[in-house]
Amino acid sequence: MSEPIEIILANPRGFCAGVERAIEIVERALTIYGPPIYVRHEIVHNKHVVESLRAKGAVFVDEIDEIPEGAVTIFSAHGVAEKVEDAAKARNLPVIDATCPLVSKVHKEGQNHAGQGRQVILIGHKGHPEVEGTQGRIPGGVLLVSEPNEVDLLVVDDPDSLAYVTQTTLSVDETRATITALRNRFPNIVGPDVRDICYATQNRQQAVRELSQIVDLLLVVGAKNSSNSNRLAEMGSENGTRSYLIDDASLIKDEWLEGVRKIGLTAGASAPEELVQGVVERINALRGPTLVRNHDGVKENVVFKLPRELTNIQPSSAVGD
């Protein structure tokens, strides 16, 4: 009889503090104000989370003009441009901001640099909601670079008066290379060190870096439009381990497991733990009993405060008859 497959769970994995806060904001708003609650864009990049909240009464829209005047409105964890906030005010929408505090920190850094007369360069992926929000929060706009080789193409106003900020969910390795390219071309540029990248991004990447060295197969639970989830799968492949990004257990193919003795399993920062456990159950069903253990890793204890609109308020005082 062959030995059972061993599943090693990455630590940390799944929800980060910013995602937990965003989901709790929607759930508390539904309890306090009652449905429907309108959310601009996906609250986080995970269809299972979105569908769960939709079933409870959240309505997800692409633009502010889709929201009825006066309806309770939530901005997603990725943040929004100032023009979106202005549009909400123009429609008298009571807004609850679920922007991750670490994203808000990037906004403030960029605003401070702009206030000191520096032109701001944003390291990030074009079209990502967080990037669009940051671009629309910094006075005078920003220059966007995604890769180190794009640095040479930048046209700046004054090479001696520049600053950079970064998308929080970018790879530490990618960001380091781009920062190095910026500093090589513009020696006087100022900005944060790579250590200022989101703690959750760093911790999950480090866990995958370690895990991929001891397993035959890496499975990453996360959405295809999740930047941090995609990067986790890429890192596994770069370390020589067959790696797949999956939305949930239904996408696992039986042939992936042929000849596999050890499977590494992790989840992006917006993927719920129930999906991870679903993958364990699916592998059990396909390959018989498995051994499941946790890989040693960083223990996260970060908790972000909720917006004041949702604290110290009783549901009965907010919901009409």
Protein backbone atom coordinates (compact mmCIF):
# COMPACT_ATOMS: atom_id res chain seq x y z
CA MET A 1 0.00 0.00 0.00
CA SER A 2 1.42 3.39 -1.01
CA GLU A 3 2.09 6.09 1.53
CA PRO A 4 -0.60 8.77 1.90
CA ILE A 5 -0.09 12.14 0.30
CA GLU A 6 1.09 14.81 2.72
CA ILE A 7 -0.54 18.24 2.52
CA ILE A 8 1.50 21.02 4.07
CA LEU A 9 -0.46 24.19 4.84
CA ALA A 10 1.42 27.47 4.47
CA ASN A 11 1.51 29.88 7.38
CA PRO A 12 0.36 32.55 7.14
CA ARG A 13 -2.23 32.11 4.38
CA GLY A 14 -5.60 33.55 3.41
CA PHE A 15 -7.27 36.63 4.84
CA CYS A 16 -5.10 39.54 5.90
CA ALA A 17 -6.22 42.21 8.37
CA GLY A 18 -7.26 44.62 5.62
CA VAL A 19 -9.52 42.04 3.99
CA GLU A 20 -11.02 40.95 7.32
CA ARG A 21 -11.76 44.59 8.10
CA ALA A 22 -13.38 45.21 4.71
CA ILE A 23 -15.66 42.18 4.98
CA GLU A 24 -16.63 43.06 8.55
CA ILE A 25 -17.45 46.61 7.42
CA VAL A 26 -19.98 45.30 4.88
CA GLU A 27 -21.47 42.80 7.33
CA ARG A 28 -21.80 45.38 10.11
CA ALA A 29 -23.30 47.93 7.74
CA LEU A 30 -25.92 45.37 6.68
CA THR A 31 -26.76 44.71 10.33
CA ILE A 32 -26.89 48.38 11.34
CA TYR A 33 -28.55 49.94 8.32
CA GLY A 34 -30.26 46.94 6.76
CA PRO A 35 -30.04 45.86 3.12
CA PRO A 36 -29.43 46.94 0.49
CA ILE A 37 -25.94 48.28 1.08
CA TYR A 38 -24.13 49.42 -2.07
CA VAL A 39 -20.46 48.58 -2.62
CA ARG A 40 -18.40 50.17 -5.38
CA HIS A 41 -16.46 47.38 -7.08
CA GLU A 42 -15.72 44.02 -5.48
CA ILE A 43 -15.05 44.61 -1.77
CA VAL A 44 -12.06 42.24 -2.20
CA HIS A 45 -10.90 40.13 -5.14
CA ASN A 46 -12.71 36.87 -4.43
CA LYS A 47 -15.95 35.77 -6.04
CA HIS A 48 -16.89 33.50 -3.12
CA VAL A 49 -16.66 36.39 -0.67
CA VAL A 50 -18.57 38.67 -3.02
CA GLU A 51 -21.36 36.13 -3.59
CA SER A 52 -21.68 35.49 0.15
CA LEU A 53 -22.11 39.21 0.84
CA ARG A 54 -24.47 39.59 -2.12
CA ALA A 55 -26.68 36.89 -0.63
CA LYS A 56 -26.87 38.93 2.59
CA GLY A 57 -28.01 42.08 0.77
CA ALA A 58 -24.88 43.80 -0.57
CA VAL A 59 -25.23 45.25 -4.07
CA PHE A 60 -21.99 45.57 -6.05
CA VAL A 61 -21.78 48.30 -8.68
CA ASP A 62 -19.11 49.58 -11.04
CA GLU A 63 -19.82 53.29 -10.75
CA ILE A 64 -21.31 55.75 -8.29
CA ASP A 65 -24.13 56.80 -10.63
CA GLU A 66 -25.60 53.29 -10.30
CA ILE A 67 -26.36 53.93 -6.62
CA PRO A 68 -29.70 55.46 -5.57
CA GLU A 69 -29.39 58.89 -3.99
CA GLY A 70 -29.01 58.67 -0.21
CA ALA A 71 -28.16 54.94 -0.15
CA VAL A 72 -25.43 53.71 2.22
CA THR A 73 -22.29 53.25 0.13
CA ILE A 74 -19.03 51.40 0.81
CA PHE A 75 -15.72 51.93 -0.97
CA SER A 76 -13.72 48.72 -1.49
CA ALA A 77 -10.49 47.77 0.28
CA HIS A 78 -8.49 48.86 -2.78
CA GLY A 79 -9.28 52.56 -2.29
CA VAL A 80 -10.81 55.06 -4.71
CA ALA A 81 -9.76 58.17 -6.58
CA GLU A 82 -10.77 61.56 -5.17
CA LYS A 83 -13.18 62.12 -8.07
CA VAL A 84 -15.14 59.03 -6.96
CA GLU A 85 -15.44 60.44 -3.45
CA ASP A 86 -16.56 63.79 -4.92
CA ALA A 87 -19.19 62.03 -7.05
CA ALA A 88 -20.55 60.29 -3.94
CA LYS A 89 -20.80 63.61 -2.11
CA ALA A 90 -22.63 65.15 -5.07
CA ARG A 91 -25.23 62.40 -4.83
CA ASN A 92 -25.59 62.76 -1.04
CA LEU A 93 -24.38 59.22 -0.45
CA PRO A 94 -23.44 58.36 3.14
CA VAL A 95 -20.06 56.68 2.56
CA ILE A 96 -18.22 54.15 4.69
CA ASP A 97 -14.63 53.80 3.53
CA ALA A 98 -13.24 50.24 3.64
CA THR A 99 -9.90 51.22 2.09
CA CYS A 100 -7.12 49.15 3.68
CA PRO A 101 -5.17 51.36 6.11
CA LEU A 102 -1.92 50.30 4.40
CA VAL A 103 -3.28 51.56 1.07
CA SER A 104 -4.33 54.81 2.76
CA LYS A 105 -0.76 55.10 4.05
CA VAL A 106 0.52 54.99 0.46
CA HIS A 107 -1.98 57.72 -0.49
CA LYS A 108 -0.71 59.95 2.34
CA GLU A 109 2.94 59.35 1.41
CA GLY A 110 2.25 60.32 -2.19
CA GLN A 111 0.29 63.40 -1.13
CA ASN A 112 3.09 64.50 1.19
CA HIS A 113 5.67 64.17 -1.59
CA ALA A 114 3.48 66.12 -4.01
CA GLY A 115 2.97 68.80 -1.34
CA GLN A 116 6.74 69.18 -1.14
CA GLY A 117 6.97 69.75 -4.88
CA ARG A 118 8.16 66.30 -5.87
CA GLN A 119 6.84 64.47 -8.92
CA VAL A 120 5.55 61.06 -7.83
CA ILE A 121 6.23 57.74 -9.54
CA LEU A 122 3.93 54.84 -8.68
CA ILE A 123 5.24 51.27 -8.98
CA GLY A 124 2.21 49.14 -9.81
CA HIS A 125 0.10 47.29 -12.36
CA LYS A 126 -1.90 49.44 -14.78
CA GLY A 127 -5.65 48.96 -14.39
CA HIS A 128 -5.52 47.45 -10.89
CA PRO A 129 -8.18 49.09 -8.66
CA GLU A 130 -5.59 50.00 -6.02
CA VAL A 131 -3.40 51.67 -8.62
CA GLU A 132 -6.33 53.61 -10.10
CA GLY A 133 -7.29 54.79 -6.63
CA THR A 134 -3.74 55.90 -5.79
CA GLN A 135 -3.36 57.67 -9.14
CA GLY A 136 -6.49 59.65 -8.35
CA ARG A 137 -5.41 60.60 -4.83
CA ILE A 138 -2.12 62.35 -5.54
CA PRO A 139 -2.30 65.99 -6.70
CA GLY A 140 -0.77 66.55 -10.12
CA GLY A 141 -1.07 62.89 -11.04
CA VAL A 142 1.62 60.23 -11.05
CA LEU A 143 3.91 58.44 -13.47
CA LEU A 144 3.27 54.68 -13.51
CA VAL A 145 5.89 51.95 -13.95
CA SER A 146 5.22 48.21 -13.73
CA GLU A 147 8.62 46.72 -14.55
CA PRO A 148 12.27 47.73 -14.08
CA ASN A 149 12.78 48.04 -17.85
CA GLU A 150 10.12 50.76 -18.00
CA VAL A 151 12.20 53.11 -15.85
CA ASP A 152 14.38 54.16 -18.80
CA LEU A 153 11.26 55.27 -20.68
CA LEU A 154 10.12 57.73 -18.00
CA VAL A 155 9.96 61.39 -18.96
CA VAL A 156 10.21 63.49 -15.79
CA ASP A 157 10.02 67.21 -15.05
CA ASP A 158 13.05 67.37 -12.77
CA PRO A 159 15.25 64.30 -12.12
CA ASP A 160 16.36 65.81 -8.81
CA SER A 161 12.83 66.27 -7.45
CA LEU A 162 11.24 62.83 -7.58
CA ALA A 163 9.61 60.40 -5.16
CA TYR A 164 8.12 56.93 -5.52
CA VAL A 165 5.36 54.93 -3.83
CA THR A 166 4.30 51.32 -4.45
CA GLN A 167 1.19 49.23 -4.89
CA THR A 168 0.93 47.30 -1.62
CA THR A 169 0.36 43.85 -3.13
CA LEU A 170 3.31 43.82 -5.51
CA SER A 171 6.04 41.23 -5.22
CA VAL A 172 8.87 42.29 -2.93
CA ASP A 173 11.35 41.01 -5.51
CA GLU A 174 9.72 42.91 -8.38
CA THR A 175 9.54 46.07 -6.34
CA ARG A 176 13.15 45.81 -5.22
CA ALA A 177 14.34 45.55 -8.82
CA THR A 178 12.24 48.52 -9.92
CA ILE A 179 13.37 50.63 -6.96
CA THR A 180 16.98 49.80 -7.81
CA ALA A 181 16.41 50.85 -11.43
CA LEU A 182 14.83 54.12 -10.27
CA ARG A 183 17.69 54.89 -7.90
CA ASN A 184 20.28 54.07 -10.56
CA ARG A 185 18.70 56.50 -13.01
CA PHE A 186 17.61 59.12 -10.45
CA PRO A 187 20.10 59.08 -7.54
CA ASN A 188 18.19 61.75 -5.59
CA ILE A 189 14.80 60.04 -5.71
CA VAL A 190 13.16 59.47 -2.30
CA GLY A 191 10.70 56.83 -1.15
CA PRO A 192 10.07 53.96 1.24
CA ASP A 193 12.20 50.87 1.50
CA VAL A 194 10.81 47.52 0.31
CA ARG A 195 10.06 46.81 3.97
CA ASP A 196 7.15 49.22 3.67
CA ILE A 197 5.35 46.86 1.30
CA CYS A 198 2.28 45.27 2.89
CA TYR A 199 3.29 42.92 5.72
CA ALA A 200 0.74 40.32 4.52
CA THR A 201 2.22 40.26 1.02
CA GLN A 202 5.71 39.74 2.41
CA ASN A 203 4.68 37.05 4.89
CA ARG A 204 2.69 35.01 2.36
CA GLN A 205 5.49 35.20 -0.19
CA GLN A 206 8.08 34.09 2.34
CA ALA A 207 5.88 31.13 3.32
CA VAL A 208 5.59 30.06 -0.33
CA ARG A 209 9.31 30.53 -0.87
CA GLU A 210 10.00 28.07 1.96
CA LEU A 211 7.17 25.67 1.12
CA SER A 212 8.01 25.36 -2.57
CA GLN A 213 11.43 23.97 -1.67
CA ILE A 214 10.01 20.90 0.10
CA VAL A 215 6.91 19.93 -1.94
CA ASP A 216 6.21 18.34 -5.33
CA LEU A 217 3.16 20.47 -6.10
CA LEU A 218 1.96 23.90 -4.94
CA LEU A 219 -1.71 24.88 -4.99
CA VAL A 220 -2.66 28.53 -4.44
CA VAL A 221 -6.29 29.31 -3.68
CA GLY A 222 -7.17 32.74 -5.02
CA ALA A 223 -8.88 34.73 -7.76
CA LYS A 224 -7.39 35.20 -11.22
CA ASN A 225 -7.69 39.00 -10.77
CA SER A 226 -5.90 38.95 -7.41
CA SER A 227 -2.41 40.41 -7.79
CA ASN A 228 -1.02 38.81 -4.63
CA SER A 229 -2.50 35.37 -5.44
CA ASN A 230 -1.04 35.36 -8.94
CA ARG A 231 2.36 36.24 -7.55
CA LEU A 232 2.29 33.36 -5.06
CA ALA A 233 1.75 30.87 -7.89
CA GLU A 234 4.46 32.54 -9.98
CA MET A 235 6.93 32.26 -7.10
CA GLY A 236 6.29 28.54 -6.77
CA SER A 237 7.00 28.04 -10.47
CA GLU A 238 10.12 30.19 -10.29
CA ASN A 239 11.41 27.94 -7.51
CA GLY A 240 11.00 24.91 -9.77
CA THR A 241 7.76 23.59 -8.27
CA ARG A 242 4.69 22.82 -10.36
CA SER A 243 2.21 25.46 -9.23
CA TYR A 244 -1.44 26.19 -9.97
CA LEU A 245 -3.72 29.10 -9.06
CA ILE A 246 -7.28 27.88 -8.47
CA ASP A 247 -10.50 29.61 -7.46
CA ASP A 248 -11.62 26.59 -5.46
CA ALA A 249 -11.37 22.80 -5.15
CA SER A 250 -13.54 22.14 -8.21
CA LEU A 251 -10.66 23.14 -10.50
CA ILE A 252 -8.23 20.49 -9.24
CA LYS A 253 -7.38 17.94 -11.93
CA ASP A 254 -6.74 14.34 -10.97
CA GLU A 255 -3.63 14.14 -13.17
CA TRP A 256 -1.99 16.92 -11.16
CA LEU A 257 -1.71 14.49 -8.26
CA GLU A 258 -0.06 11.62 -10.13
CA GLY A 259 3.27 10.71 -8.54
CA VAL A 260 2.92 13.50 -5.96
CA ARG A 261 3.92 12.80 -2.35
CA LYS A 262 3.90 16.30 -0.85
CA ILE A 263 1.51 19.13 -1.70
CA GLY A 264 1.98 22.69 -0.52
CA LEU A 265 -1.29 24.57 -0.04
CA THR A 266 -1.73 28.30 0.49
CA ALA A 267 -4.25 31.05 -0.23
CA GLY A 268 -4.09 34.66 -1.34
CA ALA A 269 -4.95 37.46 1.07
CA SER A 270 -8.58 37.63 -0.06
CA ALA A 271 -9.35 33.89 -0.07
CA PRO A 272 -11.35 32.45 2.87
CA GLU A 273 -10.08 29.47 4.87
CA GLU A 274 -13.15 27.41 3.97
CA LEU A 275 -11.85 27.23 0.39
CA VAL A 276 -8.52 25.89 1.63
CA GLN A 277 -10.29 23.19 3.62
CA GLY A 278 -12.36 22.40 0.54
CA VAL A 279 -9.14 21.68 -1.35
CA VAL A 280 -8.03 19.29 1.42
CA GLU A 281 -11.36 17.47 1.19
CA ARG A 282 -11.13 17.27 -2.60
CA ILE A 283 -7.63 15.75 -2.48
CA ASN A 284 -8.88 13.28 0.12
CA ALA A 285 -11.68 12.28 -2.24
CA LEU A 286 -9.33 11.85 -5.20
CA ARG A 287 -6.40 10.17 -3.48
CA GLY A 288 -7.67 8.67 -0.24
CA PRO A 289 -6.68 9.72 3.30
CA THR A 290 -4.01 12.39 3.50
CA LEU A 291 -1.70 13.63 6.21
CA VAL A 292 -2.24 17.35 6.87
CA ARG A 293 0.18 19.51 8.80
CA ASN A 294 0.96 23.19 9.20
CA HIS A 295 4.27 24.59 8.03
CA ASP A 296 5.99 26.84 10.54
CA GLY A 297 5.74 30.51 9.68
CA VAL A 298 5.12 34.03 10.89
CA LYS A 299 2.17 34.46 13.24
CA GLU A 300 0.17 37.55 12.30
CA ASN A 301 -1.65 39.52 14.98
CA VAL A 302 -2.42 42.74 13.09
CA VAL A 303 -5.94 44.12 13.59
CA PHE A 304 -7.21 47.33 11.98
CA LYS A 305 -9.86 49.50 13.62
CA LEU A 306 -13.27 49.80 12.04
CA PRO A 307 -14.56 53.17 10.77
CA ARG A 308 -16.23 55.21 13.48
CA GLU A 309 -19.56 55.04 11.62
CA LEU A 310 -19.78 51.36 12.60
CA THR A 311 -18.69 51.53 16.22
CA ASN A 312 -20.73 52.37 19.30
CA ILE A 313 -24.01 52.20 17.41
CA GLN A 314 -26.99 49.95 18.03
CA PRO A 315 -28.76 48.39 15.04
CA SER A 316 -32.17 49.50 16.28
CA SER A 317 -31.10 53.15 16.29
CA ALA A 318 -30.02 53.08 12.66
CA VAL A 319 -32.66 51.05 10.90
CA GLY A 320 -36.03 52.57 10.19
CA ASP A 321 -39.36 50.94 11.07
